[in-house]
Amino acid sequence: MNRWMMCALSFALAAGLAGAPLGADEPKKEDKKDDKKEKKAEEKAPDWSQYAAAEDKTGEVFKADEEGVTLRVTRPAPPGQFRPQNIDTLYKYAEGGLARRKDAPAFHDDKGLKRSPKPEELDKLKKPTGAPGYAIEKEAIKVGDTVTLKLLRPKSIPASKVKPEDLVIKYAIVTAEKGGKDEKKK
């Protein structure tokens, strides 16, 4: 009978230690929940509810900064003229507008050699979920790059009355860099 009592006592003692409170150095479940909420907030795409989709514009970057992109679109020469017309239009970023690139950037090791990207690195560049391509800084868009602008118009302006200056950039996607491999040879 003593054996059974000793086994039961040992089992109860072991079960009691397993259910002991967490130490000071171990994170609590509440902290983990807060971290998950913060990560979800970072991954969440901006609210586009006050805008409606307008159009996509593709052209060469004439000027770019944090405020917006000036896109140069070349139209064929009108009848009676010999030179094509360049039309420069400034589009400003919407609140939460993002700069992206079509293809993943090149990754290099500490010696400067190209390497394959790690899945975590690519996942980080694809954030927020639903955004096309890979994230870049707005300053990374350079003069001469070819970009596709996903443009929005405020819902307060009817589609029939929208002007180019009313349109804002949702995504500025670099499809070809100046002098890059995507650039056509002349």
N, C-alpha and C. Protein backbone atom coordinates (compact mmCIF):
# COMPACT_ATOMS: atom_id res chain seq x y z
N MET A 1 0.81 -1.18 0.00
CA MET A 1 0.00 0.00 0.00
C MET A 1 0.87 1.26 0.00
N ASN A 2 1.99 1.19 0.62
CA ASN A 2 2.89 2.34 0.62
C ASN A 2 3.39 2.66 -0.78
N ARG A 3 3.59 1.61 -1.57
CA ARG A 3 4.04 1.85 -2.94
C ARG A 3 3.01 2.64 -3.72
N TRP A 4 1.76 2.27 -3.59
CA TRP A 4 0.71 2.97 -4.32
C TRP A 4 0.59 4.41 -3.85
N MET A 5 0.76 4.61 -2.60
CA MET A 5 0.71 5.98 -2.07
C MET A 5 1.88 6.80 -2.58
N MET A 6 3.06 6.21 -2.63
CA MET A 6 4.24 6.90 -3.12
C MET A 6 4.09 7.25 -4.61
N CYS A 7 3.56 6.29 -5.38
CA CYS A 7 3.35 6.53 -6.82
C CYS A 7 2.32 7.65 -7.02
N ALA A 8 1.25 7.60 -6.25
CA ALA A 8 0.20 8.62 -6.39
C ALA A 8 0.73 9.98 -5.98
N LEU A 9 1.50 10.02 -4.91
CA LEU A 9 2.08 11.27 -4.44
C LEU A 9 3.08 11.83 -5.47
N SER A 10 3.90 10.96 -6.06
CA SER A 10 4.86 11.38 -7.08
C SER A 10 4.13 11.92 -8.31
N PHE A 11 3.08 11.22 -8.69
CA PHE A 11 2.31 11.66 -9.85
C PHE A 11 1.65 13.02 -9.59
N ALA A 12 1.08 13.20 -8.42
CA ALA A 12 0.43 14.47 -8.07
C ALA A 12 1.45 15.60 -8.03
N LEU A 13 2.63 15.32 -7.47
CA LEU A 13 3.67 16.32 -7.39
C LEU A 13 4.15 16.71 -8.80
N ALA A 14 4.33 15.74 -9.67
CA ALA A 14 4.77 16.01 -11.04
C ALA A 14 3.70 16.80 -11.79
N ALA A 15 2.44 16.47 -11.62
CA ALA A 15 1.36 17.19 -12.27
C ALA A 15 1.27 18.62 -11.75
N GLY A 16 1.54 18.81 -10.47
CA GLY A 16 1.51 20.14 -9.88
C GLY A 16 2.63 21.02 -10.44
N LEU A 17 3.80 20.47 -10.67
CA LEU A 17 4.91 21.23 -11.24
C LEU A 17 4.65 21.59 -12.70
N ALA A 18 3.97 20.69 -13.41
CA ALA A 18 3.69 20.96 -14.82
C ALA A 18 2.72 22.13 -14.94
N GLY A 19 1.86 22.30 -13.99
CA GLY A 19 0.89 23.39 -14.04
C GLY A 19 1.35 24.63 -13.31
N ALA A 20 2.63 24.68 -12.94
CA ALA A 20 3.17 25.83 -12.21
C ALA A 20 3.12 27.08 -13.07
N PRO A 21 3.02 28.26 -12.46
CA PRO A 21 2.98 29.51 -13.24
C PRO A 21 4.28 29.71 -14.01
N LEU A 22 4.18 30.49 -15.10
CA LEU A 22 5.33 30.75 -15.94
C LEU A 22 6.34 31.61 -15.21
N GLY A 23 7.62 31.41 -15.56
CA GLY A 23 8.67 32.22 -14.97
C GLY A 23 8.64 33.63 -15.53
N ALA A 24 9.42 34.51 -14.95
CA ALA A 24 9.43 35.91 -15.37
C ALA A 24 10.01 36.09 -16.76
N ASP A 25 10.93 35.16 -17.16
CA ASP A 25 11.56 35.32 -18.46
C ASP A 25 10.74 34.73 -19.61
N GLU A 26 9.70 33.98 -19.31
CA GLU A 26 8.88 33.40 -20.36
C GLU A 26 7.72 34.34 -20.68
N PRO A 27 7.42 34.56 -22.00
CA PRO A 27 6.32 35.46 -22.36
C PRO A 27 4.96 34.86 -22.00
N LYS A 28 4.07 35.72 -21.59
CA LYS A 28 2.71 35.27 -21.26
C LYS A 28 1.90 35.17 -22.53
N LYS A 29 0.79 34.45 -22.46
CA LYS A 29 -0.08 34.28 -23.62
C LYS A 29 -0.64 35.62 -24.08
N GLU A 30 -0.90 36.55 -23.16
CA GLU A 30 -1.43 37.86 -23.52
C GLU A 30 -0.43 38.62 -24.38
N ASP A 31 0.87 38.52 -24.04
CA ASP A 31 1.91 39.19 -24.83
C ASP A 31 1.93 38.65 -26.25
N LYS A 32 1.79 37.34 -26.39
CA LYS A 32 1.79 36.73 -27.71
C LYS A 32 0.60 37.22 -28.52
N LYS A 33 -0.56 37.39 -27.88
CA LYS A 33 -1.74 37.89 -28.58
C LYS A 33 -1.53 39.31 -29.06
N ASP A 34 -0.89 40.16 -28.21
CA ASP A 34 -0.61 41.54 -28.60
C ASP A 34 0.34 41.59 -29.79
N ASP A 35 1.37 40.71 -29.80
CA ASP A 35 2.30 40.65 -30.92
C ASP A 35 1.59 40.26 -32.20
N LYS A 36 0.67 39.31 -32.12
CA LYS A 36 -0.07 38.88 -33.30
C LYS A 36 -0.94 40.02 -33.83
N LYS A 37 -1.57 40.79 -32.93
CA LYS A 37 -2.40 41.92 -33.35
C LYS A 37 -1.55 42.97 -34.07
N GLU A 38 -0.35 43.24 -33.54
CA GLU A 38 0.54 44.22 -34.17
C GLU A 38 0.97 43.76 -35.55
N LYS A 39 1.31 42.48 -35.69
CA LYS A 39 1.74 41.96 -36.99
C LYS A 39 0.60 42.03 -38.00
N LYS A 40 -0.62 41.72 -37.57
CA LYS A 40 -1.76 41.79 -38.47
C LYS A 40 -2.02 43.23 -38.91
N ALA A 41 -1.82 44.18 -38.01
CA ALA A 41 -2.01 45.59 -38.35
C ALA A 41 -0.98 46.04 -39.39
N GLU A 42 0.26 45.53 -39.28
CA GLU A 42 1.29 45.87 -40.24
C GLU A 42 1.00 45.26 -41.61
N GLU A 43 0.45 44.04 -41.62
CA GLU A 43 0.20 43.32 -42.86
C GLU A 43 -1.06 43.81 -43.56
N LYS A 44 -1.91 44.49 -42.86
CA LYS A 44 -3.20 44.90 -43.41
C LYS A 44 -3.02 46.00 -44.46
N ALA A 45 -3.71 45.84 -45.57
CA ALA A 45 -3.64 46.82 -46.65
C ALA A 45 -4.38 48.09 -46.23
N PRO A 46 -4.02 49.22 -46.83
CA PRO A 46 -4.70 50.48 -46.51
C PRO A 46 -6.19 50.41 -46.87
N ASP A 47 -6.96 51.30 -46.28
CA ASP A 47 -8.40 51.37 -46.54
C ASP A 47 -8.64 52.20 -47.80
N TRP A 48 -9.17 51.57 -48.83
CA TRP A 48 -9.44 52.25 -50.10
C TRP A 48 -10.93 52.49 -50.27
N SER A 49 -11.71 52.47 -49.20
CA SER A 49 -13.17 52.55 -49.32
C SER A 49 -13.66 53.91 -49.85
N GLN A 50 -12.90 54.98 -49.69
CA GLN A 50 -13.35 56.28 -50.18
C GLN A 50 -12.98 56.50 -51.65
N TYR A 51 -12.36 55.50 -52.28
CA TYR A 51 -11.95 55.60 -53.67
C TYR A 51 -12.62 54.52 -54.52
N ALA A 52 -12.67 54.80 -55.82
CA ALA A 52 -13.14 53.83 -56.80
C ALA A 52 -12.03 53.62 -57.83
N ALA A 53 -11.94 52.42 -58.37
CA ALA A 53 -10.92 52.15 -59.38
C ALA A 53 -11.17 53.02 -60.60
N ALA A 54 -10.11 53.59 -61.15
CA ALA A 54 -10.26 54.48 -62.30
C ALA A 54 -9.67 53.83 -63.55
N GLU A 55 -8.35 53.71 -63.59
CA GLU A 55 -7.71 53.17 -64.78
C GLU A 55 -6.27 52.82 -64.45
N ASP A 56 -5.61 52.16 -65.39
CA ASP A 56 -4.19 51.88 -65.30
C ASP A 56 -3.48 52.69 -66.39
N LYS A 57 -2.38 53.31 -66.03
CA LYS A 57 -1.58 54.08 -66.98
C LYS A 57 -0.17 53.49 -66.98
N THR A 58 0.37 53.30 -68.16
CA THR A 58 1.74 52.82 -68.30
C THR A 58 2.53 53.84 -69.09
N GLY A 59 3.72 54.13 -68.63
CA GLY A 59 4.57 55.09 -69.32
C GLY A 59 5.94 55.18 -68.68
N GLU A 60 6.71 56.12 -69.18
CA GLU A 60 8.06 56.34 -68.69
C GLU A 60 8.04 57.40 -67.59
N VAL A 61 8.82 57.17 -66.55
CA VAL A 61 8.90 58.12 -65.44
C VAL A 61 9.72 59.32 -65.87
N PHE A 62 9.12 60.49 -65.79
CA PHE A 62 9.82 61.74 -66.11
C PHE A 62 10.39 62.36 -64.83
N LYS A 63 9.67 62.17 -63.72
CA LYS A 63 10.09 62.67 -62.42
C LYS A 63 9.39 61.84 -61.36
N ALA A 64 10.08 61.57 -60.26
CA ALA A 64 9.47 60.80 -59.17
C ALA A 64 10.05 61.24 -57.84
N ASP A 65 9.18 61.28 -56.82
CA ASP A 65 9.59 61.57 -55.46
C ASP A 65 8.58 60.93 -54.52
N GLU A 66 8.66 61.26 -53.23
CA GLU A 66 7.74 60.67 -52.25
C GLU A 66 6.31 61.14 -52.43
N GLU A 67 6.12 62.29 -53.04
CA GLU A 67 4.79 62.85 -53.20
C GLU A 67 4.03 62.23 -54.37
N GLY A 68 4.75 61.93 -55.45
CA GLY A 68 4.07 61.40 -56.62
C GLY A 68 5.01 61.07 -57.75
N VAL A 69 4.42 60.74 -58.90
CA VAL A 69 5.17 60.34 -60.09
C VAL A 69 4.66 61.16 -61.27
N THR A 70 5.60 61.74 -62.03
CA THR A 70 5.24 62.40 -63.28
C THR A 70 5.48 61.40 -64.40
N LEU A 71 4.42 61.06 -65.08
CA LEU A 71 4.46 60.04 -66.12
C LEU A 71 4.48 60.70 -67.48
N ARG A 72 5.39 60.26 -68.34
CA ARG A 72 5.46 60.79 -69.70
C ARG A 72 4.89 59.73 -70.65
N VAL A 73 3.84 60.13 -71.34
CA VAL A 73 3.21 59.26 -72.33
C VAL A 73 3.44 59.92 -73.69
N THR A 74 3.93 59.14 -74.65
CA THR A 74 4.21 59.67 -75.99
C THR A 74 3.07 59.26 -76.92
N ARG A 75 2.47 60.26 -77.53
CA ARG A 75 1.40 60.02 -78.51
C ARG A 75 1.97 60.16 -79.91
N PRO A 76 1.43 59.43 -80.87
CA PRO A 76 1.90 59.58 -82.25
C PRO A 76 1.67 61.01 -82.75
N ALA A 77 2.42 61.37 -83.75
CA ALA A 77 2.31 62.72 -84.31
C ALA A 77 0.92 62.94 -84.89
N PRO A 78 0.31 64.07 -84.59
CA PRO A 78 -0.99 64.38 -85.19
C PRO A 78 -0.83 64.61 -86.70
N PRO A 79 -1.92 64.53 -87.44
CA PRO A 79 -1.83 64.75 -88.89
C PRO A 79 -1.23 66.12 -89.20
N GLY A 80 -0.30 66.13 -90.12
CA GLY A 80 0.34 67.38 -90.52
C GLY A 80 1.58 67.71 -89.73
N GLN A 81 1.90 66.92 -88.69
CA GLN A 81 3.11 67.15 -87.90
C GLN A 81 4.00 65.91 -88.00
N PHE A 82 5.29 66.12 -87.77
CA PHE A 82 6.22 65.02 -87.92
C PHE A 82 6.71 64.46 -86.58
N ARG A 83 6.57 65.22 -85.53
CA ARG A 83 7.09 64.78 -84.23
C ARG A 83 5.96 64.28 -83.34
N PRO A 84 6.24 63.19 -82.63
CA PRO A 84 5.24 62.73 -81.66
C PRO A 84 5.15 63.71 -80.49
N GLN A 85 4.03 63.68 -79.79
CA GLN A 85 3.82 64.58 -78.65
C GLN A 85 4.10 63.84 -77.35
N ASN A 86 4.83 64.51 -76.46
CA ASN A 86 5.06 63.99 -75.12
C ASN A 86 4.09 64.68 -74.18
N ILE A 87 3.34 63.89 -73.44
CA ILE A 87 2.39 64.45 -72.47
C ILE A 87 2.84 64.02 -71.08
N ASP A 88 3.21 65.01 -70.26
CA ASP A 88 3.65 64.75 -68.89
C ASP A 88 2.50 65.04 -67.94
N THR A 89 2.19 64.05 -67.09
CA THR A 89 1.11 64.22 -66.13
C THR A 89 1.61 63.82 -64.75
N LEU A 90 1.37 64.69 -63.77
CA LEU A 90 1.75 64.40 -62.39
C LEU A 90 0.60 63.70 -61.69
N TYR A 91 0.91 62.55 -61.10
CA TYR A 91 -0.06 61.81 -60.29
C TYR A 91 0.51 61.73 -58.88
N LYS A 92 -0.28 62.10 -57.90
CA LYS A 92 0.14 62.05 -56.50
C LYS A 92 -0.30 60.73 -55.89
N TYR A 93 0.43 60.29 -54.87
CA TYR A 93 0.08 59.05 -54.16
C TYR A 93 -1.15 59.29 -53.29
N ALA A 94 -2.04 58.32 -53.25
CA ALA A 94 -3.15 58.36 -52.31
C ALA A 94 -2.59 58.10 -50.92
N GLU A 95 -3.35 58.42 -49.91
CA GLU A 95 -2.92 58.11 -48.56
C GLU A 95 -2.81 56.59 -48.46
N GLY A 96 -1.63 56.11 -48.18
CA GLY A 96 -1.39 54.67 -48.14
C GLY A 96 -0.96 54.10 -49.49
N GLY A 97 -0.75 54.95 -50.50
CA GLY A 97 -0.30 54.48 -51.81
C GLY A 97 1.08 53.84 -51.70
N LEU A 98 1.31 52.81 -52.50
CA LEU A 98 2.53 52.02 -52.38
C LEU A 98 3.32 51.99 -53.68
N ALA A 99 4.64 51.91 -53.54
CA ALA A 99 5.53 51.67 -54.67
C ALA A 99 5.89 50.19 -54.66
N ARG A 100 5.83 49.57 -55.82
CA ARG A 100 6.07 48.13 -55.94
C ARG A 100 6.97 47.89 -57.15
N ARG A 101 7.44 46.68 -57.29
CA ARG A 101 8.14 46.27 -58.49
C ARG A 101 7.58 44.94 -58.95
N LYS A 102 7.58 44.74 -60.26
CA LYS A 102 6.96 43.56 -60.84
C LYS A 102 7.71 42.28 -60.45
N ASP A 103 9.04 42.31 -60.54
CA ASP A 103 9.86 41.13 -60.27
C ASP A 103 10.57 41.28 -58.94
N ALA A 104 10.94 40.14 -58.37
CA ALA A 104 11.67 40.15 -57.11
C ALA A 104 13.06 40.76 -57.32
N PRO A 105 13.54 41.52 -56.34
CA PRO A 105 14.87 42.13 -56.49
C PRO A 105 15.96 41.06 -56.38
N ALA A 106 17.15 41.39 -56.83
CA ALA A 106 18.29 40.48 -56.70
C ALA A 106 18.79 40.52 -55.26
N PHE A 107 19.15 39.36 -54.75
CA PHE A 107 19.70 39.26 -53.40
C PHE A 107 21.17 38.90 -53.51
N HIS A 108 22.00 39.49 -52.64
CA HIS A 108 23.44 39.27 -52.67
C HIS A 108 23.91 38.83 -51.29
N ASP A 109 24.95 37.99 -51.28
CA ASP A 109 25.53 37.58 -50.01
C ASP A 109 26.53 38.63 -49.54
N ASP A 110 27.25 38.35 -48.45
CA ASP A 110 28.17 39.34 -47.89
C ASP A 110 29.38 39.60 -48.78
N LYS A 111 29.63 38.73 -49.76
CA LYS A 111 30.74 38.92 -50.70
C LYS A 111 30.29 39.63 -51.97
N GLY A 112 29.01 39.93 -52.08
CA GLY A 112 28.50 40.63 -53.25
C GLY A 112 28.04 39.70 -54.37
N LEU A 113 28.05 38.41 -54.14
CA LEU A 113 27.60 37.44 -55.14
C LEU A 113 26.10 37.24 -55.04
N LYS A 114 25.47 37.00 -56.20
CA LYS A 114 24.02 36.77 -56.19
C LYS A 114 23.72 35.46 -55.48
N ARG A 115 22.59 35.47 -54.77
CA ARG A 115 22.15 34.27 -54.06
C ARG A 115 20.65 34.15 -54.19
N SER A 116 20.14 32.98 -53.89
CA SER A 116 18.70 32.77 -53.90
C SER A 116 18.08 33.41 -52.67
N PRO A 117 16.93 34.03 -52.82
CA PRO A 117 16.30 34.65 -51.65
C PRO A 117 15.70 33.59 -50.73
N LYS A 118 15.66 33.92 -49.46
CA LYS A 118 15.02 33.05 -48.48
C LYS A 118 13.52 33.29 -48.55
N PRO A 119 12.71 32.29 -48.27
CA PRO A 119 11.25 32.48 -48.33
C PRO A 119 10.76 33.61 -47.42
N GLU A 120 11.39 33.79 -46.25
CA GLU A 120 10.98 34.85 -45.33
C GLU A 120 11.22 36.23 -45.96
N GLU A 121 12.33 36.35 -46.70
CA GLU A 121 12.64 37.63 -47.33
C GLU A 121 11.60 37.97 -48.40
N LEU A 122 11.22 36.98 -49.20
CA LEU A 122 10.21 37.22 -50.23
C LEU A 122 8.85 37.51 -49.61
N ASP A 123 8.50 36.79 -48.55
CA ASP A 123 7.22 37.03 -47.87
C ASP A 123 7.15 38.44 -47.33
N LYS A 124 8.26 38.93 -46.79
CA LYS A 124 8.30 40.29 -46.23
C LYS A 124 8.06 41.33 -47.34
N LEU A 125 8.64 41.09 -48.53
CA LEU A 125 8.49 42.03 -49.64
C LEU A 125 7.10 41.97 -50.28
N LYS A 126 6.37 40.88 -50.07
CA LYS A 126 5.04 40.74 -50.66
C LYS A 126 3.95 41.38 -49.80
N LYS A 127 4.31 41.84 -48.60
CA LYS A 127 3.33 42.47 -47.71
C LYS A 127 2.94 43.83 -48.24
N PRO A 128 1.78 44.34 -48.06
CA PRO A 128 0.61 43.72 -47.46
C PRO A 128 -0.04 42.72 -48.42
N THR A 129 -0.76 41.81 -47.85
CA THR A 129 -1.41 40.78 -48.63
C THR A 129 -2.36 41.42 -49.64
N GLY A 130 -2.32 40.93 -50.87
CA GLY A 130 -3.19 41.45 -51.91
C GLY A 130 -2.54 42.49 -52.80
N ALA A 131 -1.41 43.04 -52.38
CA ALA A 131 -0.72 44.03 -53.19
C ALA A 131 0.08 43.31 -54.27
N PRO A 132 0.13 43.86 -55.49
CA PRO A 132 0.86 43.19 -56.56
C PRO A 132 2.37 43.34 -56.40
N GLY A 133 3.12 42.38 -56.88
CA GLY A 133 4.57 42.48 -56.93
C GLY A 133 5.24 42.51 -55.57
N TYR A 134 6.36 43.22 -55.52
CA TYR A 134 7.22 43.27 -54.34
C TYR A 134 7.43 44.71 -53.89
N ALA A 135 7.50 44.92 -52.60
CA ALA A 135 7.61 46.27 -52.03
C ALA A 135 8.97 46.90 -52.33
N ILE A 136 8.94 48.20 -52.64
CA ILE A 136 10.15 49.02 -52.75
C ILE A 136 9.84 50.37 -52.13
N GLU A 137 10.86 51.13 -51.90
CA GLU A 137 10.68 52.49 -51.39
C GLU A 137 10.24 53.39 -52.54
N LYS A 138 9.50 54.43 -52.24
CA LYS A 138 9.04 55.35 -53.28
C LYS A 138 10.23 56.03 -53.97
N GLU A 139 11.32 56.25 -53.23
CA GLU A 139 12.50 56.89 -53.80
C GLU A 139 13.24 55.97 -54.78
N ALA A 140 12.92 54.67 -54.78
CA ALA A 140 13.60 53.72 -55.66
C ALA A 140 13.12 53.83 -57.10
N ILE A 141 12.01 54.52 -57.34
CA ILE A 141 11.53 54.73 -58.70
C ILE A 141 12.38 55.85 -59.31
N LYS A 142 13.03 55.54 -60.44
CA LYS A 142 13.97 56.49 -61.04
C LYS A 142 13.46 57.00 -62.38
N VAL A 143 14.00 58.13 -62.78
CA VAL A 143 13.69 58.71 -64.09
C VAL A 143 14.11 57.70 -65.16
N GLY A 144 13.22 57.45 -66.11
CA GLY A 144 13.51 56.52 -67.20
C GLY A 144 12.92 55.13 -66.99
N ASP A 145 12.52 54.81 -65.75
CA ASP A 145 11.88 53.52 -65.50
C ASP A 145 10.52 53.48 -66.18
N THR A 146 10.09 52.30 -66.56
CA THR A 146 8.74 52.13 -67.07
C THR A 146 7.87 51.66 -65.92
N VAL A 147 6.76 52.36 -65.68
CA VAL A 147 5.88 52.02 -64.57
C VAL A 147 4.44 51.87 -65.06
N THR A 148 3.71 51.07 -64.32
CA THR A 148 2.26 50.98 -64.49
C THR A 148 1.64 51.54 -63.22
N LEU A 149 0.81 52.56 -63.38
CA LEU A 149 0.14 53.18 -62.23
C LEU A 149 -1.28 52.66 -62.14
N LYS A 150 -1.63 52.11 -60.99
CA LYS A 150 -3.01 51.73 -60.69
C LYS A 150 -3.64 52.96 -60.06
N LEU A 151 -4.53 53.59 -60.79
CA LEU A 151 -5.08 54.88 -60.36
C LEU A 151 -6.49 54.72 -59.78
N LEU A 152 -6.78 55.59 -58.81
CA LEU A 152 -8.08 55.63 -58.16
C LEU A 152 -8.66 57.04 -58.30
N ARG A 153 -9.98 57.12 -58.22
CA ARG A 153 -10.63 58.42 -58.18
C ARG A 153 -11.46 58.46 -56.91
N PRO A 154 -11.61 59.65 -56.31
CA PRO A 154 -12.47 59.76 -55.14
C PRO A 154 -13.91 59.42 -55.53
N LYS A 155 -14.62 58.71 -54.68
CA LYS A 155 -16.01 58.36 -54.97
C LYS A 155 -16.91 59.58 -55.05
N SER A 156 -16.46 60.68 -54.46
CA SER A 156 -17.26 61.90 -54.48
C SER A 156 -17.30 62.54 -55.87
N ILE A 157 -16.40 62.14 -56.75
CA ILE A 157 -16.36 62.68 -58.11
C ILE A 157 -16.90 61.62 -59.07
N PRO A 158 -17.95 61.92 -59.83
CA PRO A 158 -18.47 60.95 -60.79
C PRO A 158 -17.43 60.60 -61.85
N ALA A 159 -17.49 59.40 -62.36
CA ALA A 159 -16.52 58.94 -63.36
C ALA A 159 -16.52 59.81 -64.60
N SER A 160 -17.68 60.35 -64.96
CA SER A 160 -17.77 61.17 -66.17
C SER A 160 -17.13 62.56 -65.99
N LYS A 161 -16.94 62.99 -64.75
CA LYS A 161 -16.40 64.33 -64.50
C LYS A 161 -14.98 64.32 -63.93
N VAL A 162 -14.36 63.16 -63.87
CA VAL A 162 -13.02 63.07 -63.28
C VAL A 162 -11.98 63.66 -64.25
N LYS A 163 -11.01 64.38 -63.68
CA LYS A 163 -9.91 64.99 -64.44
C LYS A 163 -8.62 64.27 -64.04
N PRO A 164 -7.59 64.34 -64.88
CA PRO A 164 -6.33 63.67 -64.52
C PRO A 164 -5.76 64.11 -63.17
N GLU A 165 -5.94 65.36 -62.80
CA GLU A 165 -5.40 65.83 -61.52
C GLU A 165 -6.19 65.31 -60.31
N ASP A 166 -7.39 64.74 -60.55
CA ASP A 166 -8.18 64.16 -59.47
C ASP A 166 -7.74 62.74 -59.14
N LEU A 167 -7.07 62.09 -60.08
CA LEU A 167 -6.66 60.70 -59.90
C LEU A 167 -5.47 60.61 -58.96
N VAL A 168 -5.44 59.55 -58.15
CA VAL A 168 -4.33 59.32 -57.22
C VAL A 168 -3.81 57.90 -57.42
N ILE A 169 -2.56 57.70 -57.01
CA ILE A 169 -1.89 56.41 -57.20
C ILE A 169 -2.20 55.47 -56.04
N LYS A 170 -2.70 54.31 -56.37
CA LYS A 170 -2.84 53.23 -55.40
C LYS A 170 -1.55 52.44 -55.38
N TYR A 171 -1.10 51.98 -56.55
CA TYR A 171 0.16 51.25 -56.69
C TYR A 171 0.93 51.82 -57.86
N ALA A 172 2.21 52.08 -57.67
CA ALA A 172 3.13 52.43 -58.76
C ALA A 172 4.04 51.22 -58.91
N ILE A 173 3.87 50.48 -60.01
CA ILE A 173 4.58 49.22 -60.20
C ILE A 173 5.65 49.40 -61.28
N VAL A 174 6.91 49.23 -60.89
CA VAL A 174 8.01 49.33 -61.85
C VAL A 174 8.03 48.03 -62.65
N THR A 175 7.82 48.15 -63.97
CA THR A 175 7.81 46.97 -64.82
C THR A 175 9.13 46.78 -65.56
N ALA A 176 9.87 47.86 -65.76
CA ALA A 176 11.19 47.78 -66.40
C ALA A 176 12.04 48.95 -65.91
N GLU A 177 13.28 48.65 -65.55
CA GLU A 177 14.18 49.70 -65.09
C GLU A 177 14.99 50.23 -66.26
N LYS A 178 15.35 51.49 -66.19
CA LYS A 178 16.14 52.10 -67.25
C LYS A 178 17.49 51.39 -67.33
N GLY A 179 17.81 50.93 -68.53
CA GLY A 179 19.09 50.23 -68.72
C GLY A 179 19.08 48.81 -68.20
N GLY A 180 17.94 48.34 -67.71
CA GLY A 180 17.85 46.98 -67.18
C GLY A 180 17.60 45.96 -68.29
N LYS A 181 17.53 44.71 -67.92
CA LYS A 181 17.35 43.65 -68.91
C LYS A 181 15.98 43.71 -69.58
N ASP A 182 14.99 44.34 -68.92
CA ASP A 182 13.65 44.44 -69.52
C ASP A 182 13.56 45.55 -70.55
N GLU A 183 14.54 46.45 -70.54
CA GLU A 183 14.53 47.59 -71.46
C GLU A 183 14.80 47.09 -72.88
N LYS A 184 14.01 47.57 -73.82
CA LYS A 184 14.20 47.17 -75.22
C LYS A 184 15.45 47.82 -75.78
N LYS A 185 16.21 47.04 -76.56
CA LYS A 185 17.40 47.59 -77.19
C LYS A 185 17.01 48.34 -78.45
N LYS A 186 17.65 49.48 -78.67
CA LYS A 186 17.32 50.29 -79.83
C LYS A 186 18.36 50.15 -80.91
